[in-house]
């Protein structure tokens, strides 16, 4: 379950990059938030809590 969630969040991180046309005006805010969520999930997977 955790691996599936991690893959979905990595895809979301790629989707909010400001290089895409739909997210160009968003800036780097969504990328940073999604990146933090991915890092937290990686730490939780490594420690075995997820």
N, C-alpha and C. Protein backbone atom coordinates (compact mmCIF):
# COMPACT_ATOMS: atom_id res chain seq x y z
N UNK A 1 0.82 -1.19 0.00
CA UNK A 1 0.00 0.00 0.00
C UNK A 1 0.86 1.25 0.00
N UNK A 2 1.91 1.24 0.79
CA UNK A 2 2.79 2.40 0.86
C UNK A 2 3.53 2.66 -0.44
N UNK A 3 3.91 1.59 -1.12
CA UNK A 3 4.62 1.73 -2.39
C UNK A 3 3.71 2.34 -3.45
N UNK A 4 2.46 1.91 -3.48
CA UNK A 4 1.51 2.47 -4.44
C UNK A 4 1.30 3.95 -4.16
N UNK A 5 1.18 4.31 -2.90
CA UNK A 5 1.01 5.71 -2.52
C UNK A 5 2.22 6.53 -2.92
N UNK A 6 3.41 5.97 -2.74
CA UNK A 6 4.64 6.67 -3.11
C UNK A 6 4.71 6.89 -4.61
N UNK A 7 4.33 5.90 -5.40
CA UNK A 7 4.34 6.04 -6.86
C UNK A 7 3.35 7.11 -7.31
N UNK A 8 2.17 7.13 -6.71
CA UNK A 8 1.17 8.14 -7.05
C UNK A 8 1.68 9.54 -6.71
N UNK A 9 2.34 9.68 -5.57
CA UNK A 9 2.85 11.00 -5.20
C UNK A 9 4.01 11.44 -6.08
N UNK A 10 4.84 10.51 -6.52
CA UNK A 10 5.92 10.87 -7.44
C UNK A 10 5.34 11.32 -8.77
N UNK A 11 4.29 10.65 -9.24
CA UNK A 11 3.63 11.09 -10.47
C UNK A 11 2.99 12.46 -10.28
N UNK A 12 2.43 12.72 -9.10
CA UNK A 12 1.86 14.04 -8.82
C UNK A 12 2.96 15.10 -8.80
N UNK A 13 4.12 14.74 -8.28
CA UNK A 13 5.25 15.68 -8.26
C UNK A 13 5.67 16.04 -9.67
N UNK A 14 5.68 15.07 -10.56
CA UNK A 14 6.01 15.35 -11.96
C UNK A 14 4.92 16.20 -12.60
N UNK A 15 3.67 15.95 -12.24
CA UNK A 15 2.55 16.68 -12.82
C UNK A 15 2.47 18.13 -12.42
N UNK A 16 3.01 18.50 -11.26
CA UNK A 16 2.92 19.90 -10.82
C UNK A 16 4.17 20.70 -11.13
N UNK A 17 5.10 20.12 -11.86
CA UNK A 17 6.28 20.89 -12.25
C UNK A 17 5.87 22.06 -13.12
N UNK A 18 6.46 23.22 -12.92
CA UNK A 18 6.03 24.41 -13.66
C UNK A 18 6.39 24.40 -15.14
N UNK A 19 6.96 23.35 -15.65
CA UNK A 19 7.28 23.30 -17.08
C UNK A 19 6.09 22.88 -17.92
N UNK A 20 5.07 22.30 -17.28
CA UNK A 20 3.87 21.89 -18.02
C UNK A 20 2.97 23.09 -18.25
N UNK A 21 2.22 23.08 -19.33
CA UNK A 21 1.36 24.23 -19.66
C UNK A 21 0.27 24.47 -18.62
N UNK A 22 -0.33 23.40 -18.10
CA UNK A 22 -1.43 23.58 -17.15
C UNK A 22 -0.98 24.11 -15.80
N UNK A 23 0.29 23.99 -15.48
CA UNK A 23 0.75 24.41 -14.16
C UNK A 23 1.81 25.50 -14.22
N UNK A 24 1.96 26.14 -15.34
CA UNK A 24 3.01 27.15 -15.49
C UNK A 24 2.79 28.35 -14.57
N UNK A 25 1.55 28.75 -14.36
CA UNK A 25 1.27 29.94 -13.55
C UNK A 25 1.25 29.63 -12.05
N UNK A 26 1.35 28.37 -11.66
CA UNK A 26 1.29 28.02 -10.25
C UNK A 26 2.58 28.35 -9.51
N UNK A 27 3.69 28.40 -10.19
CA UNK A 27 4.97 28.61 -9.54
C UNK A 27 5.49 27.32 -8.93
N UNK A 28 6.38 27.44 -7.95
CA UNK A 28 7.00 26.27 -7.35
C UNK A 28 6.32 25.81 -6.07
N UNK A 29 5.25 26.45 -5.65
CA UNK A 29 4.56 26.09 -4.42
C UNK A 29 4.06 24.66 -4.38
N UNK A 30 3.27 24.23 -5.36
CA UNK A 30 2.78 22.85 -5.33
C UNK A 30 3.89 21.81 -5.43
N UNK A 31 4.96 22.14 -6.15
CA UNK A 31 6.08 21.21 -6.26
C UNK A 31 6.75 21.02 -4.90
N UNK A 32 6.91 22.10 -4.16
CA UNK A 32 7.53 22.01 -2.85
C UNK A 32 6.69 21.22 -1.86
N UNK A 33 5.40 21.47 -1.87
CA UNK A 33 4.50 20.75 -0.95
C UNK A 33 4.48 19.26 -1.29
N UNK A 34 4.35 18.95 -2.57
CA UNK A 34 4.34 17.54 -2.97
C UNK A 34 5.68 16.89 -2.69
N UNK A 35 6.76 17.62 -2.89
CA UNK A 35 8.09 17.08 -2.59
C UNK A 35 8.28 16.76 -1.12
N UNK A 36 7.76 17.61 -0.26
CA UNK A 36 7.85 17.36 1.18
C UNK A 36 7.05 16.11 1.55
N UNK A 37 5.88 15.96 0.96
CA UNK A 37 5.07 14.77 1.23
C UNK A 37 5.80 13.51 0.78
N UNK A 38 6.45 13.57 -0.39
CA UNK A 38 7.21 12.41 -0.89
C UNK A 38 8.36 12.08 0.05
N UNK A 39 9.08 13.08 0.51
CA UNK A 39 10.21 12.84 1.43
C UNK A 39 9.72 12.22 2.73
N UNK A 40 8.62 12.72 3.28
CA UNK A 40 8.07 12.16 4.52
C UNK A 40 7.67 10.71 4.31
N UNK A 41 7.03 10.40 3.18
CA UNK A 41 6.63 9.02 2.92
C UNK A 41 7.84 8.10 2.74
N UNK A 42 8.89 8.59 2.11
CA UNK A 42 10.11 7.78 1.96
C UNK A 42 10.70 7.47 3.33
N UNK A 43 10.74 8.47 4.20
CA UNK A 43 11.27 8.25 5.56
C UNK A 43 10.39 7.25 6.30
N UNK A 44 9.07 7.37 6.17
CA UNK A 44 8.17 6.43 6.84
C UNK A 44 8.33 5.00 6.30
N UNK A 45 8.54 4.89 4.99
CA UNK A 45 8.77 3.55 4.42
C UNK A 45 10.09 2.95 4.89
N UNK A 46 11.12 3.78 4.98
CA UNK A 46 12.43 3.28 5.43
C UNK A 46 12.38 2.83 6.90
N UNK A 47 11.68 3.61 7.73
CA UNK A 47 11.60 3.26 9.14
C UNK A 47 10.59 2.15 9.43
N UNK A 48 9.76 1.81 8.43
CA UNK A 48 8.81 0.72 8.60
C UNK A 48 7.52 1.11 9.28
N UNK A 49 7.19 2.36 9.34
CA UNK A 49 5.97 2.81 10.00
C UNK A 49 4.79 2.91 9.07
N UNK A 50 4.99 2.67 7.78
CA UNK A 50 3.89 2.77 6.82
C UNK A 50 3.68 1.43 6.14
